[in-house]
Amino acid sequence: MDPLYKKAITQGVAGMAVFVAFIFLPAGTWRYWQGWLFIAVFSVSTISFTVYLALHDRPLLERRMNADHSMRKSGHLFTSSTEISLGFCAARPPKTMHLVTPRPR
Protein backbone atom coordinates (compact mmCIF):
# COMPACT_ATOMS: atom_id res chain seq x y z
CA MET A 1 0.00 0.00 0.00
CA ASP A 2 1.14 3.52 -0.76
CA PRO A 3 2.67 5.35 2.25
CA LEU A 4 0.46 8.38 1.58
CA TYR A 5 -2.65 6.22 1.86
CA LYS A 6 -1.38 4.65 5.08
CA LYS A 7 -0.77 8.12 6.51
CA ALA A 8 -4.26 9.27 5.47
CA ILE A 9 -5.88 6.22 7.07
CA THR A 10 -3.84 6.56 10.26
CA GLN A 11 -4.63 10.26 10.63
CA GLY A 12 -8.29 9.62 9.86
CA VAL A 13 -8.64 6.91 12.50
CA ALA A 14 -6.77 8.98 15.10
CA GLY A 15 -8.89 12.04 14.32
CA MET A 16 -12.09 10.03 14.59
CA ALA A 17 -10.99 8.69 17.99
CA VAL A 18 -10.42 12.26 19.19
CA PHE A 19 -13.85 13.36 17.94
CA VAL A 20 -15.53 10.40 19.64
CA ALA A 21 -13.76 11.27 22.90
CA PHE A 22 -14.67 14.97 22.61
CA ILE A 23 -18.33 14.18 22.00
CA PHE A 24 -19.13 11.16 24.14
CA LEU A 25 -16.95 11.70 27.21
CA PRO A 26 -18.73 14.93 28.22
CA ALA A 27 -22.09 13.38 27.38
CA GLY A 28 -21.32 10.45 29.68
CA THR A 29 -23.21 7.98 27.55
CA TRP A 30 -23.06 6.22 24.21
CA ARG A 31 -26.81 6.83 23.81
CA TYR A 32 -26.40 10.34 22.41
CA TRP A 33 -27.97 10.32 18.97
CA GLN A 34 -26.83 13.87 18.14
CA GLY A 35 -23.24 12.77 18.69
CA TRP A 36 -23.65 9.76 16.43
CA LEU A 37 -25.26 11.94 13.78
CA PHE A 38 -22.36 14.40 13.93
CA ILE A 39 -19.81 11.57 13.69
CA ALA A 40 -21.65 10.07 10.71
CA VAL A 41 -21.97 13.34 8.78
CA PHE A 42 -18.42 14.40 9.52
CA SER A 43 -16.86 11.03 8.67
CA VAL A 44 -18.80 10.60 5.41
CA SER A 45 -17.85 14.07 4.20
CA THR A 46 -14.21 13.72 5.25
CA ILE A 47 -13.75 10.23 3.83
CA SER A 48 -15.44 11.09 0.54
CA PHE A 49 -13.29 14.19 0.06
CA THR A 50 -10.10 12.28 0.92
CA VAL A 51 -10.96 9.50 -1.53
CA TYR A 52 -11.72 12.08 -4.21
CA LEU A 53 -8.33 13.73 -3.67
CA ALA A 54 -6.56 10.35 -3.69
CA LEU A 55 -8.13 9.49 -7.05
CA HIS A 56 -8.05 12.86 -8.81
CA ASP A 57 -5.50 15.19 -7.21
CA ARG A 58 -2.70 13.38 -5.43
CA PRO A 59 -0.42 16.46 -5.10
CA LEU A 60 -3.15 18.33 -3.24
CA LEU A 61 -3.68 15.36 -0.93
CA GLU A 62 0.05 15.32 -0.19
CA ARG A 63 0.01 19.04 0.61
CA ARG A 64 -3.01 18.63 2.87
CA MET A 65 -1.42 15.73 4.71
CA ASN A 66 1.69 17.85 5.36
CA ALA A 67 -0.11 21.14 5.97
CA ASP A 68 1.05 21.36 9.57
CA HIS A 69 4.64 21.96 8.47
CA SER A 70 3.86 24.67 5.93
CA MET A 71 1.29 26.56 8.03
CA ARG A 72 3.22 27.06 11.28
CA LYS A 73 2.88 30.85 11.40
CA SER A 74 -0.51 31.39 9.79
CA GLY A 75 -2.14 28.35 11.32
CA HIS A 76 -2.09 29.44 14.96
CA LEU A 77 -5.28 31.48 14.72
CA PHE A 78 -6.99 28.67 12.81
CA THR A 79 -5.86 26.10 15.38
CA SER A 80 -7.08 28.22 18.28
CA SER A 81 -10.47 28.84 16.69
CA THR A 82 -10.81 25.14 15.88
CA GLU A 83 -10.09 24.16 19.47
CA ILE A 84 -12.64 26.66 20.74
CA SER A 85 -15.23 25.36 18.27
CA LEU A 86 -14.58 21.77 19.30
CA GLY A 87 -14.98 22.81 22.91
CA PHE A 88 -18.43 24.19 22.14
CA CYS A 89 -19.33 21.05 20.19
CA ALA A 90 -18.19 18.82 23.02
CA ALA A 91 -20.09 20.75 25.70
CA ARG A 92 -22.60 18.60 27.46
CA PRO A 93 -26.15 19.29 26.29
CA PRO A 94 -28.66 20.31 28.93
CA LYS A 95 -31.01 17.62 30.25
CA THR A 96 -34.11 19.63 29.47
CA MET A 97 -34.58 22.41 27.01
CA HIS A 98 -37.57 24.68 27.34
CA LEU A 99 -37.83 26.47 24.05
CA VAL A 100 -41.23 27.97 24.86
CA THR A 101 -42.19 29.05 28.35
CA PRO A 102 -45.73 28.01 29.14
CA ARG A 103 -48.16 30.83 29.85
CA PRO A 104 -49.55 30.97 33.37
CA ARG A 105 -53.26 30.18 33.65
C-alpha atoms as a PDB file:
ATOM      1  CA  MET A   1       0.000   0.000   0.000  1.00  0.00           C
ATOM      2  CA  ASP A   2       1.141   3.521  -0.765  1.00  0.00           C
ATOM      3  CA  PRO A   3       2.675   5.349   2.248  1.00  0.00           C
ATOM      4  CA  LEU A   4       0.464   8.381   1.582  1.00  0.00           C
ATOM      5  CA  TYR A   5      -2.651   6.223   1.858  1.00  0.00           C
ATOM      6  CA  LYS A   6      -1.379   4.654   5.076  1.00  0.00           C
ATOM      7  CA  LYS A   7      -0.772   8.122   6.507  1.00  0.00           C
ATOM      8  CA  ALA A   8      -4.258   9.269   5.474  1.00  0.00           C
ATOM      9  CA  ILE A   9      -5.884   6.220   7.065  1.00  0.00           C
ATOM     10  CA  THR A  10      -3.840   6.564  10.256  1.00  0.00           C
ATOM     11  CA  GLN A  11      -4.632  10.259  10.634  1.00  0.00           C
ATOM     12  CA  GLY A  12      -8.294   9.620   9.861  1.00  0.00           C
ATOM     13  CA  VAL A  13      -8.640   6.907  12.497  1.00  0.00           C
ATOM     14  CA  ALA A  14      -6.768   8.980  15.101  1.00  0.00           C
ATOM     15  CA  GLY A  15      -8.888  12.042  14.317  1.00  0.00           C
ATOM     16  CA  MET A  16     -12.087  10.031  14.592  1.00  0.00           C
ATOM     17  CA  ALA A  17     -10.991   8.690  17.992  1.00  0.00           C
ATOM     18  CA  VAL A  18     -10.421  12.256  19.188  1.00  0.00           C
ATOM     19  CA  PHE A  19     -13.853  13.360  17.941  1.00  0.00           C
ATOM     20  CA  VAL A  20     -15.529  10.402  19.645  1.00  0.00           C
ATOM     21  CA  ALA A  21     -13.761  11.273  22.895  1.00  0.00           C
ATOM     22  CA  PHE A  22     -14.670  14.973  22.608  1.00  0.00           C
ATOM     23  CA  ILE A  23     -18.327  14.176  21.998  1.00  0.00           C
ATOM     24  CA  PHE A  24     -19.129  11.159  24.141  1.00  0.00           C
ATOM     25  CA  LEU A  25     -16.949  11.698  27.214  1.00  0.00           C
ATOM     26  CA  PRO A  26     -18.726  14.928  28.223  1.00  0.00           C
ATOM     27  CA  ALA A  27     -22.087  13.376  27.377  1.00  0.00           C
ATOM     28  CA  GLY A  28     -21.320  10.451  29.683  1.00  0.00           C
ATOM     29  CA  THR A  29     -23.213   7.977  27.550  1.00  0.00           C
ATOM     30  CA  TRP A  30     -23.059   6.219  24.208  1.00  0.00           C
ATOM     31  CA  ARG A  31     -26.808   6.827  23.808  1.00  0.00           C
ATOM     32  CA  TYR A  32     -26.399  10.336  22.411  1.00  0.00           C
ATOM     33  CA  TRP A  33     -27.967  10.325  18.974  1.00  0.00           C
ATOM     34  CA  GLN A  34     -26.829  13.868  18.140  1.00  0.00           C
ATOM     35  CA  GLY A  35     -23.241  12.771  18.686  1.00  0.00           C
ATOM     36  CA  TRP A  36     -23.653   9.761  16.433  1.00  0.00           C
ATOM     37  CA  LEU A  37     -25.264  11.943  13.783  1.00  0.00           C
ATOM     38  CA  PHE A  38     -22.362  14.401  13.933  1.00  0.00           C
ATOM     39  CA  ILE A  39     -19.812  11.570  13.693  1.00  0.00           C
ATOM     40  CA  ALA A  40     -21.653  10.069  10.712  1.00  0.00           C
ATOM     41  CA  VAL A  41     -21.974  13.336   8.776  1.00  0.00           C
ATOM     42  CA  PHE A  42     -18.419  14.399   9.521  1.00  0.00           C
ATOM     43  CA  SER A  43     -16.862  11.033   8.673  1.00  0.00           C
ATOM     44  CA  VAL A  44     -18.800  10.601   5.414  1.00  0.00           C
ATOM     45  CA  SER A  45     -17.847  14.073   4.203  1.00  0.00           C
ATOM     46  CA  THR A  46     -14.210  13.722   5.249  1.00  0.00           C
ATOM     47  CA  ILE A  47     -13.750  10.231   3.829  1.00  0.00           C
ATOM     48  CA  SER A  48     -15.444  11.088   0.539  1.00  0.00           C
ATOM     49  CA  PHE A  49     -13.288  14.195   0.064  1.00  0.00           C
ATOM     50  CA  THR A  50     -10.103  12.282   0.921  1.00  0.00           C
ATOM     51  CA  VAL A  51     -10.960   9.499  -1.527  1.00  0.00           C
ATOM     52  CA  TYR A  52     -11.716  12.083  -4.207  1.00  0.00           C
ATOM     53  CA  LEU A  53      -8.328  13.727  -3.667  1.00  0.00           C
ATOM     54  CA  ALA A  54      -6.559  10.355  -3.695  1.00  0.00           C
ATOM     55  CA  LEU A  55      -8.130   9.494  -7.046  1.00  0.00           C
ATOM     56  CA  HIS A  56      -8.046  12.859  -8.812  1.00  0.00           C
ATOM     57  CA  ASP A  57      -5.500  15.190  -7.207  1.00  0.00           C
ATOM     58  CA  ARG A  58      -2.700  13.382  -5.427  1.00  0.00           C
ATOM     59  CA  PRO A  59      -0.418  16.456  -5.100  1.00  0.00           C
ATOM     60  CA  LEU A  60      -3.153  18.328  -3.238  1.00  0.00           C
ATOM     61  CA  LEU A  61      -3.683  15.365  -0.926  1.00  0.00           C
ATOM     62  CA  GLU A  62       0.050  15.321  -0.194  1.00  0.00           C
ATOM     63  CA  ARG A  63       0.013  19.040   0.608  1.00  0.00           C
ATOM     64  CA  ARG A  64      -3.015  18.633   2.868  1.00  0.00           C
ATOM     65  CA  MET A  65      -1.416  15.730   4.715  1.00  0.00           C
ATOM     66  CA  ASN A  66       1.695  17.851   5.359  1.00  0.00           C
ATOM     67  CA  ALA A  67      -0.106  21.139   5.967  1.00  0.00           C
ATOM     68  CA  ASP A  68       1.048  21.364   9.567  1.00  0.00           C
ATOM     69  CA  HIS A  69       4.636  21.956   8.471  1.00  0.00           C
ATOM     70  CA  SER A  70       3.863  24.671   5.930  1.00  0.00           C
ATOM     71  CA  MET A  71       1.288  26.556   8.028  1.00  0.00           C
ATOM     72  CA  ARG A  72       3.215  27.055  11.281  1.00  0.00           C
ATOM     73  CA  LYS A  73       2.885  30.846  11.401  1.00  0.00           C
ATOM     74  CA  SER A  74      -0.507  31.391   9.786  1.00  0.00           C
ATOM     75  CA  GLY A  75      -2.144  28.350  11.319  1.00  0.00           C
ATOM     76  CA  HIS A  76      -2.089  29.442  14.962  1.00  0.00           C
ATOM     77  CA  LEU A  77      -5.278  31.477  14.716  1.00  0.00           C
ATOM     78  CA  PHE A  78      -6.986  28.672  12.814  1.00  0.00           C
ATOM     79  CA  THR A  79      -5.859  26.105  15.377  1.00  0.00           C
ATOM     80  CA  SER A  80      -7.078  28.218  18.285  1.00  0.00           C
ATOM     81  CA  SER A  81     -10.471  28.837  16.694  1.00  0.00           C
ATOM     82  CA  THR A  82     -10.806  25.137  15.879  1.00  0.00           C
ATOM     83  CA  GLU A  83     -10.086  24.165  19.470  1.00  0.00           C
ATOM     84  CA  ILE A  84     -12.644  26.657  20.742  1.00  0.00           C
ATOM     85  CA  SER A  85     -15.231  25.362  18.267  1.00  0.00           C
ATOM     86  CA  LEU A  86     -14.576  21.773  19.299  1.00  0.00           C
ATOM     87  CA  GLY A  87     -14.983  22.809  22.908  1.00  0.00           C
ATOM     88  CA  PHE A  88     -18.432  24.192  22.139  1.00  0.00           C
ATOM     89  CA  CYS A  89     -19.332  21.052  20.187  1.00  0.00           C
ATOM     90  CA  ALA A  90     -18.195  18.815  23.019  1.00  0.00           C
ATOM     91  CA  ALA A  91     -20.093  20.747  25.699  1.00  0.00           C
ATOM     92  CA  ARG A  92     -22.601  18.599  27.465  1.00  0.00           C
ATOM     93  CA  PRO A  93     -26.148  19.286  26.287  1.00  0.00           C
ATOM     94  CA  PRO A  94     -28.662  20.310  28.930  1.00  0.00           C
ATOM     95  CA  LYS A  95     -31.006  17.619  30.252  1.00  0.00           C
ATOM     96  CA  THR A  96     -34.107  19.626  29.471  1.00  0.00           C
ATOM     97  CA  MET A  97     -34.580  22.408  27.007  1.00  0.00           C
ATOM     98  CA  HIS A  98     -37.573  24.683  27.338  1.00  0.00           C
ATOM     99  CA  LEU A  99     -37.827  26.473  24.047  1.00  0.00           C
ATOM    100  CA  VAL A 100     -41.226  27.967  24.864  1.00  0.00           C
ATOM    101  CA  THR A 101     -42.190  29.054  28.345  1.00  0.00           C
ATOM    102  CA  PRO A 102     -45.729  28.007  29.135  1.00  0.00           C
ATOM    103  CA  ARG A 103     -48.164  30.834  29.850  1.00  0.00           C
ATOM    104  CA  PRO A 104     -49.554  30.967  33.370  1.00  0.00           C
ATOM    105  CA  ARG A 105     -53.256  30.180  33.649  1.00  0.00           C
END
